[in-house]
Amino acid sequence: MSKMANSKDKQEQSKDPMYYVQFGYLLNRTGSLGAASMSDVLKEFDISLPIWQILLILSEFGEQTISELASHTGIEMSYLSRTVLKAEKRGFVARAKSAEDKRVTYIKLVTGGRQMIRKVLPKTRLLRGIMFQGIPAADIETTARTLSIVYHNLVSSVDAISDDINRKLIVARRTGKSDKE
């Protein structure tokens, strides 16, 4: 097939409403299966997926406020606060007041959290290898960029979507961050 015909197919495909339905369906289906698979891996370590997300974010970005964690995880603030409390009780994280503003509390990774990450990472890397088996690195990078743009577009266009906004979109808008930041 020529490049011209292939390009024409892509243009026609994007006008087909089923193309977007299929994209959303595949995205949701893949995300759900990925989360379920990761949750199964984490069961061995008696750790929930939200706690795992918190540990990884704190490991990557350093101490965070609840709002910053909500932005990174997409978890609602009330549930996130309870999850952070559970992680704190397990010795994974600690809370500390800001030196500049006593109203601000930071959550930081502590030794128990770093130890848990080191314990769990080999299994999560194995899962990642299974998920991306046979997919070229360039395709994975393109997919990640595309999903980042889709996420940013949704966060930026919250008001245009509906007057009755989903709570996850409210969290994304409230924190004023996208995953591009």
N, C-alpha and C. Protein backbone atom coordinates (compact mmCIF):
# COMPACT_ATOMS: atom_id res chain seq x y z
N MET A 1 0.85 -1.18 0.00
CA MET A 1 0.00 0.00 0.00
C MET A 1 0.89 1.23 0.00
N SER A 2 0.56 2.21 -0.83
CA SER A 2 1.37 3.42 -0.91
C SER A 2 1.19 4.29 0.33
N LYS A 3 2.17 5.20 0.52
CA LYS A 3 2.08 6.12 1.65
C LYS A 3 0.84 7.00 1.51
N MET A 4 0.51 7.38 0.30
CA MET A 4 -0.65 8.23 0.06
C MET A 4 -1.92 7.52 0.48
N ALA A 5 -2.08 6.28 0.10
CA ALA A 5 -3.28 5.52 0.46
C ALA A 5 -3.33 5.31 1.97
N ASN A 6 -2.19 5.01 2.57
CA ASN A 6 -2.12 4.80 4.01
C ASN A 6 -2.51 6.09 4.74
N SER A 7 -2.02 7.23 4.26
CA SER A 7 -2.35 8.52 4.86
C SER A 7 -3.85 8.80 4.73
N LYS A 8 -4.41 8.49 3.57
CA LYS A 8 -5.83 8.69 3.34
C LYS A 8 -6.67 7.83 4.29
N ASP A 9 -6.24 6.59 4.50
CA ASP A 9 -6.95 5.70 5.43
C ASP A 9 -6.96 6.29 6.84
N LYS A 10 -5.83 6.85 7.26
CA LYS A 10 -5.75 7.46 8.60
C LYS A 10 -6.71 8.63 8.72
N GLN A 11 -6.80 9.45 7.67
CA GLN A 11 -7.71 10.59 7.70
C GLN A 11 -9.15 10.11 7.78
N GLU A 12 -9.50 9.13 6.97
CA GLU A 12 -10.86 8.61 7.00
C GLU A 12 -11.16 7.94 8.33
N GLN A 13 -10.17 7.23 8.86
CA GLN A 13 -10.36 6.54 10.12
C GLN A 13 -10.67 7.53 11.24
N SER A 14 -9.99 8.67 11.26
CA SER A 14 -10.20 9.63 12.33
C SER A 14 -11.57 10.29 12.25
N LYS A 15 -12.22 10.26 11.09
CA LYS A 15 -13.57 10.82 10.96
C LYS A 15 -14.64 9.82 11.40
N ASP A 16 -14.26 8.57 11.52
CA ASP A 16 -15.18 7.51 11.91
C ASP A 16 -15.40 7.55 13.42
N PRO A 17 -16.63 7.81 13.88
CA PRO A 17 -16.87 7.88 15.33
C PRO A 17 -16.52 6.57 16.04
N MET A 18 -16.61 5.45 15.38
CA MET A 18 -16.28 4.17 16.00
C MET A 18 -14.79 4.08 16.32
N TYR A 19 -13.95 4.80 15.55
CA TYR A 19 -12.52 4.81 15.83
C TYR A 19 -12.27 5.32 17.25
N TYR A 20 -12.95 6.38 17.63
CA TYR A 20 -12.77 6.96 18.96
C TYR A 20 -13.39 6.09 20.04
N VAL A 21 -14.52 5.47 19.73
CA VAL A 21 -15.13 4.54 20.67
C VAL A 21 -14.18 3.37 20.92
N GLN A 22 -13.61 2.84 19.85
CA GLN A 22 -12.68 1.73 19.99
C GLN A 22 -11.44 2.15 20.78
N PHE A 23 -10.93 3.35 20.53
CA PHE A 23 -9.76 3.84 21.26
C PHE A 23 -10.08 3.92 22.76
N GLY A 24 -11.20 4.51 23.10
CA GLY A 24 -11.60 4.61 24.50
C GLY A 24 -11.82 3.25 25.13
N TYR A 25 -12.44 2.38 24.38
CA TYR A 25 -12.70 1.02 24.86
C TYR A 25 -11.38 0.29 25.13
N LEU A 26 -10.46 0.35 24.16
CA LEU A 26 -9.16 -0.32 24.33
C LEU A 26 -8.36 0.30 25.47
N LEU A 27 -8.42 1.61 25.58
CA LEU A 27 -7.71 2.30 26.65
C LEU A 27 -8.24 1.87 28.02
N ASN A 28 -9.54 1.86 28.17
CA ASN A 28 -10.16 1.46 29.43
C ASN A 28 -9.89 -0.01 29.74
N ARG A 29 -10.07 -0.84 28.73
CA ARG A 29 -9.86 -2.28 28.91
C ARG A 29 -8.41 -2.59 29.29
N THR A 30 -7.46 -1.96 28.61
CA THR A 30 -6.05 -2.17 28.89
C THR A 30 -5.67 -1.63 30.26
N GLY A 31 -6.16 -0.43 30.58
CA GLY A 31 -5.88 0.16 31.89
C GLY A 31 -6.42 -0.69 33.02
N SER A 32 -7.63 -1.19 32.85
CA SER A 32 -8.24 -2.03 33.88
C SER A 32 -7.48 -3.34 34.07
N LEU A 33 -7.10 -3.97 32.96
CA LEU A 33 -6.35 -5.22 33.04
C LEU A 33 -4.96 -4.99 33.62
N GLY A 34 -4.32 -3.88 33.23
CA GLY A 34 -3.01 -3.55 33.77
C GLY A 34 -3.07 -3.31 35.27
N ALA A 35 -4.09 -2.58 35.73
CA ALA A 35 -4.26 -2.32 37.16
C ALA A 35 -4.54 -3.61 37.92
N ALA A 36 -5.38 -4.46 37.35
CA ALA A 36 -5.69 -5.74 38.00
C ALA A 36 -4.44 -6.63 38.08
N SER A 37 -3.66 -6.66 37.01
CA SER A 37 -2.43 -7.45 37.00
C SER A 37 -1.44 -6.93 38.03
N MET A 38 -1.30 -5.62 38.10
CA MET A 38 -0.39 -5.02 39.08
C MET A 38 -0.89 -5.29 40.50
N SER A 39 -2.20 -5.20 40.72
CA SER A 39 -2.76 -5.50 42.04
C SER A 39 -2.47 -6.93 42.45
N ASP A 40 -2.53 -7.86 41.48
CA ASP A 40 -2.21 -9.26 41.77
C ASP A 40 -0.74 -9.41 42.18
N VAL A 41 0.15 -8.71 41.50
CA VAL A 41 1.57 -8.74 41.86
C VAL A 41 1.76 -8.19 43.28
N LEU A 42 1.07 -7.10 43.59
CA LEU A 42 1.25 -6.43 44.88
C LEU A 42 0.66 -7.21 46.06
N LYS A 43 -0.30 -8.12 45.78
CA LYS A 43 -0.89 -8.94 46.85
C LYS A 43 0.17 -9.73 47.59
N GLU A 44 1.16 -10.21 46.86
CA GLU A 44 2.25 -10.98 47.47
C GLU A 44 2.96 -10.17 48.56
N PHE A 45 2.94 -8.85 48.42
CA PHE A 45 3.64 -7.97 49.35
C PHE A 45 2.67 -7.26 50.31
N ASP A 46 1.40 -7.64 50.24
CA ASP A 46 0.35 -7.05 51.09
C ASP A 46 0.33 -5.53 50.97
N ILE A 47 0.32 -5.07 49.73
CA ILE A 47 0.31 -3.63 49.46
C ILE A 47 -0.72 -3.34 48.37
N SER A 48 -1.46 -2.27 48.53
CA SER A 48 -2.49 -1.91 47.54
C SER A 48 -1.87 -1.10 46.41
N LEU A 49 -2.55 -1.07 45.28
CA LEU A 49 -2.09 -0.30 44.13
C LEU A 49 -1.98 1.20 44.47
N PRO A 50 -2.97 1.80 45.15
CA PRO A 50 -2.81 3.23 45.49
C PRO A 50 -1.59 3.51 46.38
N ILE A 51 -1.31 2.64 47.33
CA ILE A 51 -0.12 2.84 48.17
C ILE A 51 1.13 2.70 47.32
N TRP A 52 1.15 1.73 46.42
CA TRP A 52 2.29 1.56 45.52
C TRP A 52 2.51 2.80 44.68
N GLN A 53 1.42 3.37 44.15
CA GLN A 53 1.53 4.60 43.36
C GLN A 53 2.15 5.72 44.19
N ILE A 54 1.69 5.87 45.41
CA ILE A 54 2.21 6.91 46.30
C ILE A 54 3.71 6.71 46.53
N LEU A 55 4.12 5.48 46.82
CA LEU A 55 5.53 5.21 47.07
C LEU A 55 6.39 5.56 45.85
N LEU A 56 5.93 5.16 44.67
CA LEU A 56 6.70 5.45 43.46
C LEU A 56 6.78 6.95 43.18
N ILE A 57 5.69 7.65 43.37
CA ILE A 57 5.68 9.09 43.13
C ILE A 57 6.62 9.80 44.09
N LEU A 58 6.57 9.44 45.36
CA LEU A 58 7.46 10.06 46.34
C LEU A 58 8.92 9.72 46.04
N SER A 59 9.16 8.51 45.58
CA SER A 59 10.52 8.10 45.20
C SER A 59 11.03 8.92 44.02
N GLU A 60 10.16 9.18 43.07
CA GLU A 60 10.54 9.89 41.85
C GLU A 60 10.63 11.40 42.04
N PHE A 61 9.66 11.99 42.77
CA PHE A 61 9.55 13.45 42.84
C PHE A 61 9.91 14.05 44.20
N GLY A 62 10.19 13.20 45.19
CA GLY A 62 10.47 13.73 46.52
C GLY A 62 9.19 14.06 47.26
N GLU A 63 9.33 14.74 48.39
CA GLU A 63 8.16 15.03 49.22
C GLU A 63 7.11 15.81 48.44
N GLN A 64 5.85 15.52 48.76
CA GLN A 64 4.71 16.10 48.04
C GLN A 64 3.62 16.48 49.03
N THR A 65 2.81 17.46 48.65
CA THR A 65 1.59 17.74 49.40
C THR A 65 0.52 16.76 48.94
N ILE A 66 -0.58 16.69 49.67
CA ILE A 66 -1.70 15.83 49.25
C ILE A 66 -2.20 16.26 47.87
N SER A 67 -2.29 17.55 47.63
CA SER A 67 -2.74 18.04 46.32
C SER A 67 -1.81 17.60 45.20
N GLU A 68 -0.51 17.66 45.45
CA GLU A 68 0.45 17.22 44.43
C GLU A 68 0.33 15.72 44.19
N LEU A 69 0.16 14.95 45.26
CA LEU A 69 -0.04 13.50 45.10
C LEU A 69 -1.32 13.21 44.32
N ALA A 70 -2.37 13.97 44.61
CA ALA A 70 -3.64 13.78 43.89
C ALA A 70 -3.44 14.04 42.40
N SER A 71 -2.66 15.06 42.08
CA SER A 71 -2.39 15.38 40.69
C SER A 71 -1.67 14.23 39.99
N HIS A 72 -0.70 13.65 40.66
CA HIS A 72 0.07 12.57 40.06
C HIS A 72 -0.71 11.26 39.97
N THR A 73 -1.56 10.99 40.96
CA THR A 73 -2.24 9.69 41.00
C THR A 73 -3.62 9.71 40.38
N GLY A 74 -4.28 10.86 40.38
CA GLY A 74 -5.67 10.92 39.94
C GLY A 74 -6.64 10.41 40.99
N ILE A 75 -6.15 10.20 42.20
CA ILE A 75 -6.99 9.70 43.30
C ILE A 75 -7.64 10.89 43.99
N GLU A 76 -8.92 10.76 44.31
CA GLU A 76 -9.63 11.83 45.02
C GLU A 76 -8.98 12.11 46.36
N MET A 77 -9.01 13.39 46.75
CA MET A 77 -8.31 13.84 47.96
C MET A 77 -8.72 13.08 49.22
N SER A 78 -10.01 12.86 49.43
CA SER A 78 -10.46 12.21 50.66
C SER A 78 -9.94 10.77 50.73
N TYR A 79 -10.04 10.05 49.62
CA TYR A 79 -9.53 8.67 49.58
C TYR A 79 -8.01 8.67 49.70
N LEU A 80 -7.37 9.62 49.04
CA LEU A 80 -5.92 9.71 49.08
C LEU A 80 -5.43 9.98 50.50
N SER A 81 -6.11 10.84 51.23
CA SER A 81 -5.73 11.13 52.61
C SER A 81 -5.79 9.87 53.47
N ARG A 82 -6.84 9.08 53.29
CA ARG A 82 -6.96 7.81 54.04
C ARG A 82 -5.86 6.82 53.63
N THR A 83 -5.54 6.81 52.34
CA THR A 83 -4.51 5.91 51.84
C THR A 83 -3.13 6.31 52.37
N VAL A 84 -2.86 7.60 52.41
CA VAL A 84 -1.59 8.09 52.97
C VAL A 84 -1.50 7.72 54.44
N LEU A 85 -2.62 7.82 55.15
CA LEU A 85 -2.64 7.44 56.57
C LEU A 85 -2.29 5.95 56.73
N LYS A 86 -2.85 5.11 55.87
CA LYS A 86 -2.52 3.67 55.91
C LYS A 86 -1.03 3.44 55.62
N ALA A 87 -0.50 4.15 54.64
CA ALA A 87 0.92 4.02 54.31
C ALA A 87 1.79 4.50 55.47
N GLU A 88 1.33 5.53 56.14
CA GLU A 88 2.07 6.05 57.30
C GLU A 88 2.06 5.04 58.44
N LYS A 89 0.91 4.42 58.70
CA LYS A 89 0.80 3.41 59.75
C LYS A 89 1.70 2.20 59.47
N ARG A 90 1.92 1.91 58.19
CA ARG A 90 2.78 0.77 57.81
C ARG A 90 4.25 1.14 57.79
N GLY A 91 4.55 2.41 58.05
CA GLY A 91 5.95 2.84 58.10
C GLY A 91 6.56 3.12 56.75
N PHE A 92 5.74 3.43 55.75
CA PHE A 92 6.23 3.71 54.40
C PHE A 92 6.48 5.19 54.17
N VAL A 93 5.65 6.03 54.80
CA VAL A 93 5.73 7.48 54.60
C VAL A 93 5.62 8.18 55.96
N ALA A 94 5.98 9.46 55.94
CA ALA A 94 5.82 10.30 57.14
C ALA A 94 5.29 11.66 56.69
N ARG A 95 4.58 12.31 57.58
CA ARG A 95 4.09 13.66 57.30
C ARG A 95 4.99 14.65 58.03
N ALA A 96 5.18 15.81 57.40
CA ALA A 96 5.98 16.86 58.03
C ALA A 96 5.41 18.22 57.63
N LYS A 97 5.30 19.12 58.59
CA LYS A 97 4.82 20.48 58.31
C LYS A 97 5.89 21.27 57.55
N SER A 98 5.44 22.11 56.67
CA SER A 98 6.35 22.98 55.92
C SER A 98 6.99 23.98 56.88
N ALA A 99 8.27 24.23 56.69
CA ALA A 99 8.97 25.24 57.51
C ALA A 99 8.48 26.64 57.17
N GLU A 100 8.10 26.86 55.92
CA GLU A 100 7.66 28.19 55.46
C GLU A 100 6.20 28.47 55.78
N ASP A 101 5.35 27.44 55.70
CA ASP A 101 3.91 27.63 55.89
C ASP A 101 3.37 26.46 56.69
N LYS A 102 3.07 26.70 57.95
CA LYS A 102 2.64 25.63 58.86
C LYS A 102 1.30 25.01 58.45
N ARG A 103 0.57 25.65 57.54
CA ARG A 103 -0.70 25.08 57.07
C ARG A 103 -0.46 23.96 56.06
N VAL A 104 0.74 23.91 55.50
CA VAL A 104 1.07 22.94 54.46
C VAL A 104 1.77 21.73 55.08
N THR A 105 1.27 20.54 54.74
CA THR A 105 1.89 19.30 55.20
C THR A 105 2.44 18.55 54.01
N TYR A 106 3.68 18.11 54.15
CA TYR A 106 4.31 17.32 53.11
C TYR A 106 4.32 15.86 53.51
N ILE A 107 4.21 15.00 52.52
CA ILE A 107 4.33 13.56 52.73
C ILE A 107 5.66 13.17 52.12
N LYS A 108 6.47 12.43 52.87
CA LYS A 108 7.77 12.03 52.35
C LYS A 108 7.97 10.53 52.54
N LEU A 109 8.76 9.97 51.68
CA LEU A 109 9.11 8.56 51.72
C LEU A 109 10.12 8.34 52.84
N VAL A 110 9.91 7.29 53.62
CA VAL A 110 10.86 6.95 54.68
C VAL A 110 11.47 5.58 54.39
N THR A 111 12.37 5.16 55.25
CA THR A 111 13.13 3.91 55.03
C THR A 111 12.23 2.72 54.71
N GLY A 112 11.15 2.54 55.45
CA GLY A 112 10.26 1.40 55.20
C GLY A 112 9.67 1.43 53.80
N GLY A 113 9.36 2.61 53.30
CA GLY A 113 8.84 2.75 51.94
C GLY A 113 9.89 2.44 50.90
N ARG A 114 11.11 2.92 51.14
CA ARG A 114 12.21 2.62 50.20
C ARG A 114 12.51 1.12 50.17
N GLN A 115 12.45 0.49 51.34
CA GLN A 115 12.68 -0.96 51.40
C GLN A 115 11.59 -1.72 50.64
N MET A 116 10.34 -1.27 50.80
CA MET A 116 9.24 -1.93 50.08
C MET A 116 9.42 -1.78 48.58
N ILE A 117 9.81 -0.61 48.13
CA ILE A 117 10.04 -0.40 46.69
C ILE A 117 11.10 -1.37 46.18
N ARG A 118 12.22 -1.47 46.90
CA ARG A 118 13.29 -2.38 46.48
C ARG A 118 12.81 -3.84 46.43
N LYS A 119 11.93 -4.20 47.35
CA LYS A 119 11.41 -5.56 47.39
C LYS A 119 10.46 -5.86 46.22
N VAL A 120 9.63 -4.88 45.89
CA VAL A 120 8.57 -5.09 44.90
C VAL A 120 9.04 -4.88 43.46
N LEU A 121 9.98 -3.99 43.24
CA LEU A 121 10.39 -3.62 41.88
C LEU A 121 10.73 -4.79 40.97
N PRO A 122 11.45 -5.81 41.42
CA PRO A 122 11.75 -6.91 40.48
C PRO A 122 10.49 -7.56 39.91
N LYS A 123 9.46 -7.70 40.73
CA LYS A 123 8.21 -8.32 40.23
C LYS A 123 7.47 -7.37 39.28
N THR A 124 7.48 -6.08 39.58
CA THR A 124 6.78 -5.14 38.70
C THR A 124 7.53 -5.00 37.37
N ARG A 125 8.83 -5.11 37.41
CA ARG A 125 9.61 -5.08 36.16
C ARG A 125 9.31 -6.31 35.31
N LEU A 126 9.11 -7.44 35.96
CA LEU A 126 8.73 -8.65 35.24
C LEU A 126 7.38 -8.44 34.54
N LEU A 127 6.42 -7.87 35.26
CA LEU A 127 5.10 -7.58 34.67
C LEU A 127 5.24 -6.60 33.51
N ARG A 128 6.05 -5.57 33.69
CA ARG A 128 6.26 -4.59 32.61
C ARG A 128 6.83 -5.29 31.38
N GLY A 129 7.77 -6.22 31.58
CA GLY A 129 8.34 -6.98 30.46
C GLY A 129 7.29 -7.78 29.72
N ILE A 130 6.37 -8.37 30.46
CA ILE A 130 5.28 -9.13 29.86
C ILE A 130 4.35 -8.19 29.08
N MET A 131 4.02 -7.06 29.68
CA MET A 131 3.10 -6.11 29.04
C MET A 131 3.64 -5.59 27.71
N PHE A 132 4.94 -5.31 27.68
CA PHE A 132 5.53 -4.68 26.50
C PHE A 132 6.27 -5.65 25.58
N GLN A 133 6.09 -6.94 25.83
CA GLN A 133 6.75 -7.96 25.02
C GLN A 133 6.39 -7.79 23.55
N GLY A 134 7.40 -7.74 22.69
CA GLY A 134 7.19 -7.66 21.25
C GLY A 134 6.86 -6.26 20.74
N ILE A 135 6.87 -5.27 21.61
CA ILE A 135 6.56 -3.90 21.19
C ILE A 135 7.87 -3.11 21.15
N PRO A 136 8.21 -2.55 20.00
CA PRO A 136 9.45 -1.76 19.91
C PRO A 136 9.41 -0.56 20.86
N ALA A 137 10.58 -0.20 21.40
CA ALA A 137 10.69 0.92 22.34
C ALA A 137 10.11 2.21 21.75
N ALA A 138 10.34 2.43 20.45
CA ALA A 138 9.82 3.64 19.81
C ALA A 138 8.28 3.69 19.86
N ASP A 139 7.64 2.53 19.69
CA ASP A 139 6.18 2.48 19.77
C ASP A 139 5.69 2.76 21.19
N ILE A 140 6.42 2.26 22.17
CA ILE A 140 6.06 2.52 23.57
C ILE A 140 6.19 4.01 23.87
N GLU A 141 7.27 4.62 23.41
CA GLU A 141 7.47 6.06 23.61
C GLU A 141 6.37 6.88 22.93
N THR A 142 6.01 6.49 21.71
CA THR A 142 4.94 7.20 20.98
C THR A 142 3.61 7.06 21.72
N THR A 143 3.33 5.87 22.20
CA THR A 143 2.09 5.65 22.95
C THR A 143 2.07 6.50 24.21
N ALA A 144 3.17 6.54 24.94
CA ALA A 144 3.24 7.34 26.16
C ALA A 144 3.03 8.82 25.85
N ARG A 145 3.66 9.31 24.79
CA ARG A 145 3.47 10.72 24.39
C ARG A 145 2.02 10.98 24.02
N THR A 146 1.44 10.08 23.26
CA THR A 146 0.05 10.24 22.83
C THR A 146 -0.89 10.28 24.03
N LEU A 147 -0.71 9.36 24.96
CA LEU A 147 -1.57 9.34 26.15
C LEU A 147 -1.38 10.59 26.99
N SER A 148 -0.17 11.09 27.06
CA SER A 148 0.10 12.33 27.79
C SER A 148 -0.66 13.50 27.15
N ILE A 149 -0.65 13.56 25.84
CA ILE A 149 -1.37 14.62 25.13
C ILE A 149 -2.87 14.48 25.33
N VAL A 150 -3.39 13.25 25.23
CA VAL A 150 -4.83 13.02 25.46
C VAL A 150 -5.20 13.47 26.87
N TYR A 151 -4.39 13.11 27.87
CA TYR A 151 -4.64 13.52 29.25
C TYR A 151 -4.66 15.04 29.35
N HIS A 152 -3.64 15.68 28.81
CA HIS A 152 -3.56 17.14 28.86
C HIS A 152 -4.77 17.79 28.17
N ASN A 153 -5.16 17.26 27.01
CA ASN A 153 -6.32 17.79 26.30
C ASN A 153 -7.59 17.69 27.14
N LEU A 154 -7.76 16.56 27.82
CA LEU A 154 -8.95 16.39 28.66
C LEU A 154 -8.94 17.34 29.85
N VAL A 155 -7.80 17.49 30.51
CA VAL A 155 -7.70 18.40 31.64
C VAL A 155 -7.95 19.83 31.19
N SER A 156 -7.39 20.21 30.05
CA SER A 156 -7.52 21.58 29.54
C SER A 156 -8.94 21.90 29.07
N SER A 157 -9.71 20.89 28.74
CA SER A 157 -11.03 21.11 28.15
C SER A 157 -12.17 20.67 29.05
N VAL A 158 -11.93 20.60 30.34
CA VAL A 158 -12.94 20.10 31.28
C VAL A 158 -14.27 20.83 31.12
N ASP A 159 -14.24 22.15 31.03
CA ASP A 159 -15.48 22.92 30.95
C ASP A 159 -16.25 22.68 29.66
N ALA A 160 -15.55 22.34 28.59
CA ALA A 160 -16.21 22.13 27.30
C ALA A 160 -16.91 20.77 27.22
N ILE A 161 -16.55 19.86 28.10
CA ILE A 161 -17.09 18.51 28.03
C ILE A 161 -18.51 18.44 28.55
N SER A 162 -18.74 19.01 29.74
CA SER A 162 -20.04 18.87 30.38
C SER A 162 -20.16 19.85 31.54
N ASP A 163 -21.38 20.20 31.87
CA ASP A 163 -21.60 21.01 33.07
C ASP A 163 -21.49 20.14 34.32
N ASP A 164 -21.75 18.86 34.17
CA ASP A 164 -21.69 17.91 35.29
C ASP A 164 -20.37 17.16 35.18
N ILE A 165 -19.33 17.72 35.79
CA ILE A 165 -17.97 17.23 35.61
C ILE A 165 -17.67 16.07 36.54
N ASN A 166 -17.06 15.03 36.01
CA ASN A 166 -16.63 13.86 36.76
C ASN A 166 -15.63 14.28 37.83
N ARG A 167 -15.66 13.62 38.98
CA ARG A 167 -14.79 13.97 40.10
C ARG A 167 -13.31 13.84 39.77
N LYS A 168 -12.92 12.88 38.94
CA LYS A 168 -11.50 12.76 38.57
C LYS A 168 -11.04 13.96 37.76
N LEU A 169 -11.92 14.50 36.92
CA LEU A 169 -11.57 15.71 36.18
C LEU A 169 -11.45 16.91 37.11
N ILE A 170 -12.30 16.93 38.14
CA ILE A 170 -12.22 18.01 39.13
C ILE A 170 -10.87 17.96 39.84
N VAL A 171 -10.43 16.77 40.22
CA VAL A 171 -9.12 16.62 40.88
C VAL A 171 -8.03 17.13 39.95
N ALA A 172 -8.06 16.72 38.69
CA ALA A 172 -7.04 17.13 37.74
C ALA A 172 -7.05 18.65 37.56
N ARG A 173 -8.22 19.25 37.48
CA ARG A 173 -8.31 20.69 37.30
C ARG A 173 -7.90 21.41 38.57
N ARG A 174 -8.38 20.94 39.73
CA ARG A 174 -8.10 21.61 41.01
C ARG A 174 -6.60 21.70 41.27
N THR A 175 -5.90 20.64 40.96
CA THR A 175 -4.46 20.65 41.23
C THR A 175 -3.71 21.46 40.19
N GLY A 176 -4.38 21.75 39.08
CA GLY A 176 -3.78 22.63 38.07
C GLY A 176 -2.56 22.04 37.39
N LYS A 177 -2.45 20.73 37.41
CA LYS A 177 -1.28 20.09 36.82
C LYS A 177 -1.71 19.04 35.82
N SER A 178 -0.86 18.86 34.86
CA SER A 178 -1.03 17.71 33.96
C SER A 178 0.23 16.89 34.07
N ASP A 179 0.23 15.73 33.47
CA ASP A 179 1.42 14.89 33.57
C ASP A 179 2.57 15.42 32.72
N LYS A 180 2.34 16.49 31.96
CA LYS A 180 3.42 17.10 31.20
C LYS A 180 4.32 17.93 32.09
N GLU A 181 3.82 18.33 33.25
CA GLU A 181 4.59 19.20 34.14
C GLU A 181 5.59 18.44 34.95
